[in-house]
Amino acid sequence: MDGVVPPEPPSATRNWAELPRDVGYEIFRRVPHVDVLSSAGLVCASWRRLAVEEPMLWQHIDIAFDWEEYIGVAYDEDEVFFNTQEPPAGLLAMARAAVDRSAGRCKSFRGPVDCHLLIYLATRAPSLSSLHVTSFFRLHKDFVDRVVPKLAMLERLVLPRGLTTANTLRAFLDHCPRLELLDAGGCYLERSCCSSLLAWLCEVKVLTLPRQLLPLDPEYSAMLAEDDYGY
């Protein structure tokens, strides 16, 4: 009939499961890892295969984690002992799954850890060059020898909050010859650094020293009492 506009044909429905693998890969590269693990990788069988079977997606693992939101209060450096909760078990499980999916090709990791995940990461990621811990860090002495010697390729280590010891720092220096950046400015040191350790630490190109819980030797106490701990 004249003057009557025919209805438009229905638009074609896209089947996302039929996307070429390289297109799906580029999409997943732009999706946060937490979302890939919790939702995007579960959309359909082909997307799950891509999320699980493509190690290149997991070369640089980033498991977002807001410590202040988790503990429910603004982080206060003077109350470090009260904010030592372990990271959420669900996020630790996600981090472990991400390490598995990297199939030994993980080069950088940013996220929450506990001692057991650190052992797992050090064992499964022999090429790890960057480690950025976003949760409270305390590597117990029983775990130092099981973790640090396996991180020989490490170049960057960031510890934004936690407790550490001179022995732990020395272990990283002894076993990580490529280490160029050590940022432990948010940590507290359980024991005073001796002068020899400080001399070793100064060999690191970019260095932010931890705060001290106990008084240092007089020659270093004034240096580390300042607000800026970078050298």
C-alpha atoms as a PDB file:
ATOM      1  CA  MET A   1       0.000   0.000   0.000  1.00  0.00           C
ATOM      2  CA  ASP A   2       1.316   3.431  -0.958  1.00  0.00           C
ATOM      3  CA  GLY A   3       2.571   5.544   1.942  1.00  0.00           C
ATOM      4  CA  VAL A   4       3.161   2.615   4.273  1.00  0.00           C
ATOM      5  CA  VAL A   5       6.761   2.117   5.311  1.00  0.00           C
ATOM      6  CA  PRO A   6       7.611  -1.573   5.467  1.00  0.00           C
ATOM      7  CA  PRO A   7       9.122  -2.723   8.764  1.00  0.00           C
ATOM      8  CA  GLU A   8      12.876  -3.043   8.889  1.00  0.00           C
ATOM      9  CA  PRO A   9      14.178  -6.585   8.807  1.00  0.00           C
ATOM     10  CA  PRO A  10      15.399  -7.799  12.195  1.00  0.00           C
ATOM     11  CA  SER A  11      19.080  -7.160  12.748  1.00  0.00           C
ATOM     12  CA  ALA A  12      21.330 -10.146  12.642  1.00  0.00           C
ATOM     13  CA  THR A  13      22.172 -11.538  16.059  1.00  0.00           C
ATOM     14  CA  ARG A  14      25.885 -11.929  16.684  1.00  0.00           C
ATOM     15  CA  ASN A  15      27.046 -15.221  18.102  1.00  0.00           C
ATOM     16  CA  TRP A  16      29.929 -14.196  20.348  1.00  0.00           C
ATOM     17  CA  ALA A  17      31.073 -17.792  20.587  1.00  0.00           C
ATOM     18  CA  GLU A  18      31.996 -17.650  16.890  1.00  0.00           C
ATOM     19  CA  LEU A  19      34.423 -14.750  17.215  1.00  0.00           C
ATOM     20  CA  PRO A  20      37.819 -15.534  15.680  1.00  0.00           C
ATOM     21  CA  ARG A  21      40.308 -16.546  18.336  1.00  0.00           C
ATOM     22  CA  ASP A  22      42.623 -13.608  17.644  1.00  0.00           C
ATOM     23  CA  VAL A  23      39.726 -11.161  18.098  1.00  0.00           C
ATOM     24  CA  GLY A  24      38.730 -12.836  21.357  1.00  0.00           C
ATOM     25  CA  TYR A  25      42.340 -12.632  22.496  1.00  0.00           C
ATOM     26  CA  GLU A  26      42.459  -8.878  21.879  1.00  0.00           C
ATOM     27  CA  ILE A  27      39.214  -8.446  23.825  1.00  0.00           C
ATOM     28  CA  PHE A  28      40.466 -10.467  26.776  1.00  0.00           C
ATOM     29  CA  ARG A  29      43.734  -8.521  26.840  1.00  0.00           C
ATOM     30  CA  ARG A  30      41.698  -5.442  27.738  1.00  0.00           C
ATOM     31  CA  VAL A  31      39.589  -7.096  30.439  1.00  0.00           C
ATOM     32  CA  PRO A  32      40.850  -7.084  34.065  1.00  0.00           C
ATOM     33  CA  HIS A  33      42.095 -10.498  35.099  1.00  0.00           C
ATOM     34  CA  VAL A  34      39.654 -10.707  37.996  1.00  0.00           C
ATOM     35  CA  ASP A  35      36.785 -10.285  35.515  1.00  0.00           C
ATOM     36  CA  VAL A  36      38.207 -12.897  33.153  1.00  0.00           C
ATOM     37  CA  LEU A  37      38.472 -15.367  36.019  1.00  0.00           C
ATOM     38  CA  SER A  38      35.081 -14.620  37.554  1.00  0.00           C
ATOM     39  CA  SER A  39      32.806 -13.895  34.595  1.00  0.00           C
ATOM     40  CA  ALA A  40      34.114 -13.230  31.075  1.00  0.00           C
ATOM     41  CA  GLY A  41      35.818 -16.598  30.876  1.00  0.00           C
ATOM     42  CA  LEU A  42      32.536 -18.326  31.725  1.00  0.00           C
ATOM     43  CA  VAL A  43      30.346 -16.827  28.974  1.00  0.00           C
ATOM     44  CA  CYS A  44      30.602 -19.812  26.652  1.00  0.00           C
ATOM     45  CA  ALA A  45      32.774 -22.830  25.947  1.00  0.00           C
ATOM     46  CA  SER A  46      34.951 -21.085  23.353  1.00  0.00           C
ATOM     47  CA  TRP A  47      35.608 -18.119  25.648  1.00  0.00           C
ATOM     48  CA  ARG A  48      36.483 -20.453  28.493  1.00  0.00           C
ATOM     49  CA  ARG A  49      38.940 -22.326  26.288  1.00  0.00           C
ATOM     50  CA  LEU A  50      40.561 -19.034  25.353  1.00  0.00           C
ATOM     51  CA  ALA A  51      40.755 -17.903  28.986  1.00  0.00           C
ATOM     52  CA  VAL A  52      42.230 -21.216  30.116  1.00  0.00           C
ATOM     53  CA  GLU A  53      44.385 -22.273  27.178  1.00  0.00           C
ATOM     54  CA  GLU A  54      46.088 -19.022  26.121  1.00  0.00           C
ATOM     55  CA  PRO A  55      49.176 -18.531  28.353  1.00  0.00           C
ATOM     56  CA  MET A  56      50.039 -15.192  26.744  1.00  0.00           C
ATOM     57  CA  LEU A  57      46.982 -13.671  28.431  1.00  0.00           C
ATOM     58  CA  TRP A  58      48.612 -14.388  31.777  1.00  0.00           C
ATOM     59  CA  GLN A  59      52.178 -13.224  31.221  1.00  0.00           C
ATOM     60  CA  HIS A  60      51.524 -10.103  33.301  1.00  0.00           C
ATOM     61  CA  ILE A  61      49.096 -11.062  36.052  1.00  0.00           C
ATOM     62  CA  ASP A  62      47.255  -8.258  37.834  1.00  0.00           C
ATOM     63  CA  ILE A  63      44.774  -9.290  40.523  1.00  0.00           C
ATOM     64  CA  ALA A  64      43.250  -6.024  41.705  1.00  0.00           C
ATOM     65  CA  PHE A  65      43.037  -5.726  45.482  1.00  0.00           C
ATOM     66  CA  ASP A  66      42.162  -2.679  47.614  1.00  0.00           C
ATOM     67  CA  TRP A  67      43.653  -3.342  51.047  1.00  0.00           C
ATOM     68  CA  GLU A  68      41.982  -0.353  52.717  1.00  0.00           C
ATOM     69  CA  GLU A  69      38.578  -1.388  51.398  1.00  0.00           C
ATOM     70  CA  TYR A  70      39.155  -4.942  52.607  1.00  0.00           C
ATOM     71  CA  ILE A  71      40.104  -4.043  56.188  1.00  0.00           C
ATOM     72  CA  GLY A  72      37.324  -1.451  56.272  1.00  0.00           C
ATOM     73  CA  VAL A  73      39.417   1.463  57.512  1.00  0.00           C
ATOM     74  CA  ALA A  74      41.923   3.877  56.098  1.00  0.00           C
ATOM     75  CA  TYR A  75      45.371   2.351  56.322  1.00  0.00           C
ATOM     76  CA  ASP A  76      47.373   3.849  59.188  1.00  0.00           C
ATOM     77  CA  GLU A  77      51.106   3.168  59.133  1.00  0.00           C
ATOM     78  CA  ASP A  78      51.274   3.641  62.909  1.00  0.00           C
ATOM     79  CA  GLU A  79      48.818   0.774  63.394  1.00  0.00           C
ATOM     80  CA  VAL A  80      50.596  -1.702  61.146  1.00  0.00           C
ATOM     81  CA  PHE A  81      50.249  -4.544  63.665  1.00  0.00           C
ATOM     82  CA  PHE A  82      46.464  -4.267  63.653  1.00  0.00           C
ATOM     83  CA  ASN A  83      46.128  -4.636  59.891  1.00  0.00           C
ATOM     84  CA  THR A  84      47.729  -8.028  59.331  1.00  0.00           C
ATOM     85  CA  GLN A  85      44.706  -9.937  58.023  1.00  0.00           C
ATOM     86  CA  GLU A  86      45.349 -12.536  55.381  1.00  0.00           C
ATOM     87  CA  PRO A  87      44.039 -11.655  51.903  1.00  0.00           C
ATOM     88  CA  PRO A  88      40.588 -13.007  50.955  1.00  0.00           C
ATOM     89  CA  ALA A  89      40.736 -16.712  50.145  1.00  0.00           C
ATOM     90  CA  GLY A  90      38.794 -16.127  46.932  1.00  0.00           C
ATOM     91  CA  LEU A  91      41.397 -13.718  45.571  1.00  0.00           C
ATOM     92  CA  LEU A  92      44.230 -16.051  46.523  1.00  0.00           C
ATOM     93  CA  ALA A  93      42.452 -18.835  44.629  1.00  0.00           C
ATOM     94  CA  MET A  94      42.090 -16.542  41.603  1.00  0.00           C
ATOM     95  CA  ALA A  95      45.775 -15.670  41.766  1.00  0.00           C
ATOM     96  CA  ARG A  96      46.715 -19.345  41.855  1.00  0.00           C
ATOM     97  CA  ALA A  97      44.449 -20.071  38.878  1.00  0.00           C
ATOM     98  CA  ALA A  98      46.055 -17.205  36.947  1.00  0.00           C
ATOM     99  CA  VAL A  99      49.525 -18.603  37.662  1.00  0.00           C
ATOM    100  CA  ASP A 100      48.374 -22.022  36.436  1.00  0.00           C
ATOM    101  CA  ARG A 101      47.030 -20.533  33.210  1.00  0.00           C
ATOM    102  CA  SER A 102      50.322 -18.780  32.507  1.00  0.00           C
ATOM    103  CA  ALA A 103      51.890 -22.233  32.009  1.00  0.00           C
ATOM    104  CA  GLY A 104      55.256 -21.079  33.338  1.00  0.00           C
ATOM    105  CA  ARG A 105      55.337 -17.877  31.249  1.00  0.00           C
ATOM    106  CA  CYS A 106      54.362 -15.362  33.925  1.00  0.00           C
ATOM    107  CA  LYS A 107      56.805 -12.436  33.903  1.00  0.00           C
ATOM    108  CA  SER A 108      55.113 -10.086  36.345  1.00  0.00           C
ATOM    109  CA  PHE A 109      52.656 -10.492  39.189  1.00  0.00           C
ATOM    110  CA  ARG A 110      50.701  -7.798  41.009  1.00  0.00           C
ATOM    111  CA  GLY A 111      48.227  -8.850  43.659  1.00  0.00           C
ATOM    112  CA  PRO A 112      47.672 -10.294  47.132  1.00  0.00           C
ATOM    113  CA  VAL A 113      49.833 -13.142  48.399  1.00  0.00           C
ATOM    114  CA  ASP A 114      50.424 -15.283  51.436  1.00  0.00           C
ATOM    115  CA  CYS A 115      53.448 -17.471  52.111  1.00  0.00           C
ATOM    116  CA  HIS A 116      51.931 -20.484  50.369  1.00  0.00           C
ATOM    117  CA  LEU A 117      51.037 -18.536  47.232  1.00  0.00           C
ATOM    118  CA  LEU A 118      54.560 -17.086  47.132  1.00  0.00           C
ATOM    119  CA  ILE A 119      55.991 -20.612  47.103  1.00  0.00           C
ATOM    120  CA  TYR A 120      53.542 -21.582  44.368  1.00  0.00           C
ATOM    121  CA  LEU A 121      54.383 -18.495  42.312  1.00  0.00           C
ATOM    122  CA  ALA A 122      58.140 -18.901  42.702  1.00  0.00           C
ATOM    123  CA  THR A 123      57.890 -22.547  41.642  1.00  0.00           C
ATOM    124  CA  ARG A 124      55.515 -22.064  38.707  1.00  0.00           C
ATOM    125  CA  ALA A 125      56.933 -18.799  37.321  1.00  0.00           C
ATOM    126  CA  PRO A 126      60.684 -19.273  36.765  1.00  0.00           C
ATOM    127  CA  SER A 127      60.835 -16.184  34.509  1.00  0.00           C
ATOM    128  CA  LEU A 128      59.203 -13.832  37.015  1.00  0.00           C
ATOM    129  CA  SER A 129      60.912 -10.443  36.774  1.00  0.00           C
ATOM    130  CA  SER A 130      58.469  -8.207  38.660  1.00  0.00           C
ATOM    131  CA  LEU A 131      56.638  -8.878  41.935  1.00  0.00           C
ATOM    132  CA  HIS A 132      54.285  -6.260  43.387  1.00  0.00           C
ATOM    133  CA  VAL A 133      52.600  -7.453  46.576  1.00  0.00           C
ATOM    134  CA  THR A 134      49.375  -5.546  47.281  1.00  0.00           C
ATOM    135  CA  SER A 135      48.473  -7.202  50.596  1.00  0.00           C
ATOM    136  CA  PHE A 136      50.212  -7.138  53.961  1.00  0.00           C
ATOM    137  CA  PHE A 137      53.604  -8.814  53.487  1.00  0.00           C
ATOM    138  CA  ARG A 138      55.406 -10.955  56.010  1.00  0.00           C
ATOM    139  CA  LEU A 139      57.572 -13.765  54.702  1.00  0.00           C
ATOM    140  CA  HIS A 140      58.190 -16.023  57.673  1.00  0.00           C
ATOM    141  CA  LYS A 141      61.753 -17.238  58.052  1.00  0.00           C
ATOM    142  CA  ASP A 142      60.702 -20.839  57.407  1.00  0.00           C
ATOM    143  CA  PHE A 143      59.552 -19.809  53.930  1.00  0.00           C
ATOM    144  CA  VAL A 144      62.487 -17.589  52.921  1.00  0.00           C
ATOM    145  CA  ASP A 145      64.695 -20.471  51.753  1.00  0.00           C
ATOM    146  CA  ARG A 146      61.758 -22.022  49.895  1.00  0.00           C
ATOM    147  CA  VAL A 147      60.855 -18.865  47.966  1.00  0.00           C
ATOM    148  CA  VAL A 148      63.702 -16.426  47.398  1.00  0.00           C
ATOM    149  CA  PRO A 149      66.271 -18.751  45.728  1.00  0.00           C
ATOM    150  CA  LYS A 150      63.690 -19.499  43.021  1.00  0.00           C
ATOM    151  CA  LEU A 151      63.373 -15.821  42.060  1.00  0.00           C
ATOM    152  CA  ALA A 152      66.724 -15.482  40.308  1.00  0.00           C
ATOM    153  CA  MET A 153      65.201 -13.489  37.419  1.00  0.00           C
ATOM    154  CA  LEU A 154      63.557 -10.902  39.679  1.00  0.00           C
ATOM    155  CA  GLU A 155      64.268  -7.285  38.706  1.00  0.00           C
ATOM    156  CA  ARG A 156      61.528  -5.374  40.552  1.00  0.00           C
ATOM    157  CA  LEU A 157      60.161  -5.988  44.057  1.00  0.00           C
ATOM    158  CA  VAL A 158      57.462  -3.761  45.576  1.00  0.00           C
ATOM    159  CA  LEU A 159      56.264  -4.331  49.152  1.00  0.00           C
ATOM    160  CA  PRO A 160      53.885  -1.475  50.026  1.00  0.00           C
ATOM    161  CA  ARG A 161      53.073  -2.612  53.575  1.00  0.00           C
ATOM    162  CA  GLY A 162      54.035  -5.267  56.078  1.00  0.00           C
ATOM    163  CA  LEU A 163      56.904  -6.517  58.217  1.00  0.00           C
ATOM    164  CA  THR A 164      60.277  -7.722  57.017  1.00  0.00           C
ATOM    165  CA  THR A 165      63.696  -8.563  58.428  1.00  0.00           C
ATOM    166  CA  ALA A 166      67.280  -7.842  57.525  1.00  0.00           C
ATOM    167  CA  ASN A 167      67.746 -11.543  56.745  1.00  0.00           C
ATOM    168  CA  THR A 168      64.843 -11.504  54.280  1.00  0.00           C
ATOM    169  CA  LEU A 169      66.219  -8.451  52.487  1.00  0.00           C
ATOM    170  CA  ARG A 170      69.678 -10.006  52.414  1.00  0.00           C
ATOM    171  CA  ALA A 171      68.218 -13.186  50.898  1.00  0.00           C
ATOM    172  CA  PHE A 172      66.722 -11.175  48.027  1.00  0.00           C
ATOM    173  CA  LEU A 173      70.072  -9.478  47.464  1.00  0.00           C
ATOM    174  CA  ASP A 174      71.960 -12.786  47.510  1.00  0.00           C
ATOM    175  CA  HIS A 175      69.630 -14.711  45.209  1.00  0.00           C
ATOM    176  CA  CYS A 176      68.312 -12.010  42.858  1.00  0.00           C
ATOM    177  CA  PRO A 177      71.366 -10.628  41.018  1.00  0.00           C
ATOM    178  CA  ARG A 178      69.165  -8.763  38.506  1.00  0.00           C
ATOM    179  CA  LEU A 179      67.297  -6.806  41.188  1.00  0.00           C
ATOM    180  CA  GLU A 180      67.202  -3.141  40.149  1.00  0.00           C
ATOM    181  CA  LEU A 181      64.225  -1.817  42.098  1.00  0.00           C
ATOM    182  CA  LEU A 182      63.368  -2.563  45.724  1.00  0.00           C
ATOM    183  CA  ASP A 183      60.514  -0.563  47.219  1.00  0.00           C
ATOM    184  CA  ALA A 184      59.780  -1.542  50.814  1.00  0.00           C
ATOM    185  CA  GLY A 185      58.961   1.964  52.002  1.00  0.00           C
ATOM    186  CA  GLY A 186      55.617   0.954  53.496  1.00  0.00           C
ATOM    187  CA  CYS A 187      57.086  -1.956  55.453  1.00  0.00           C
ATOM    188  CA  TYR A 188      58.565  -2.003  58.910  1.00  0.00           C
ATOM    189  CA  LEU A 189      61.880  -3.679  59.611  1.00  0.00           C
ATOM    190  CA  GLU A 190      61.759  -6.025  62.589  1.00  0.00           C
ATOM    191  CA  ARG A 191      65.417  -5.545  63.428  1.00  0.00           C
ATOM    192  CA  SER A 192      67.945  -2.838  62.760  1.00  0.00           C
ATOM    193  CA  CYS A 193      69.861  -2.958  59.518  1.00  0.00           C
ATOM    194  CA  CYS A 194      73.549  -3.468  60.018  1.00  0.00           C
ATOM    195  CA  SER A 195      75.948  -1.249  58.111  1.00  0.00           C
ATOM    196  CA  SER A 196      77.051  -4.079  55.810  1.00  0.00           C
ATOM    197  CA  LEU A 197      73.459  -4.769  54.742  1.00  0.00           C
ATOM    198  CA  LEU A 198      72.864  -1.093  54.048  1.00  0.00           C
ATOM    199  CA  ALA A 199      75.976  -1.069  51.894  1.00  0.00           C
ATOM    200  CA  TRP A 200      74.607  -4.013  49.917  1.00  0.00           C
ATOM    201  CA  LEU A 201      71.191  -2.399  49.593  1.00  0.00           C
ATOM    202  CA  CYS A 202      72.720   0.738  48.157  1.00  0.00           C
ATOM    203  CA  GLU A 203      73.834  -1.353  45.171  1.00  0.00           C
ATOM    204  CA  VAL A 204      70.181  -1.503  44.095  1.00  0.00           C
ATOM    205  CA  LYS A 205      69.547   1.215  41.511  1.00  0.00           C
ATOM    206  CA  VAL A 206      66.129   2.292  42.816  1.00  0.00           C
ATOM    207  CA  LEU A 207      65.766   1.768  46.557  1.00  0.00           C
ATOM    208  CA  THR A 208      63.148   2.708  49.126  1.00  0.00           C
ATOM    209  CA  LEU A 209      64.054   1.380  52.560  1.00  0.00           C
ATOM    210  CA  PRO A 210      61.561   0.112  55.140  1.00  0.00           C
ATOM    211  CA  ARG A 211      60.833   1.938  58.353  1.00  0.00           C
ATOM    212  CA  GLN A 212      62.475   0.746  61.547  1.00  0.00           C
ATOM    213  CA  LEU A 213      60.807  -0.776  64.602  1.00  0.00           C
ATOM    214  CA  LEU A 214      63.975  -0.748  66.693  1.00  0.00           C
ATOM    215  CA  PRO A 215      66.634   1.985  66.960  1.00  0.00           C
ATOM    216  CA  LEU A 216      69.393   1.844  64.390  1.00  0.00           C
ATOM    217  CA  ASP A 217      73.071   2.457  64.860  1.00  0.00           C
ATOM    218  CA  PRO A 218      73.496   6.202  65.487  1.00  0.00           C
ATOM    219  CA  GLU A 219      75.134   6.835  62.115  1.00  0.00           C
ATOM    220  CA  TYR A 220      72.029   5.572  60.274  1.00  0.00           C
ATOM    221  CA  SER A 221      69.201   6.545  62.631  1.00  0.00           C
ATOM    222  CA  ALA A 222      69.080  10.162  61.479  1.00  0.00           C
ATOM    223  CA  MET A 223      69.188   9.111  57.829  1.00  0.00           C
ATOM    224  CA  LEU A 224      66.203   6.767  58.110  1.00  0.00           C
ATOM    225  CA  ALA A 225      64.175   8.954  60.467  1.00  0.00           C
ATOM    226  CA  GLU A 226      63.366  11.335  57.621  1.00  0.00           C
ATOM    227  CA  ASP A 227      60.029  11.147  55.833  1.00  0.00           C
ATOM    228  CA  ASP A 228      61.627  10.275  52.508  1.00  0.00           C
ATOM    229  CA  TYR A 229      63.304   6.859  52.535  1.00  0.00           C
ATOM    230  CA  GLY A 230      64.309   6.775  48.880  1.00  0.00           C
ATOM    231  CA  TYR A 231      67.941   6.624  47.735  1.00  0.00           C
END
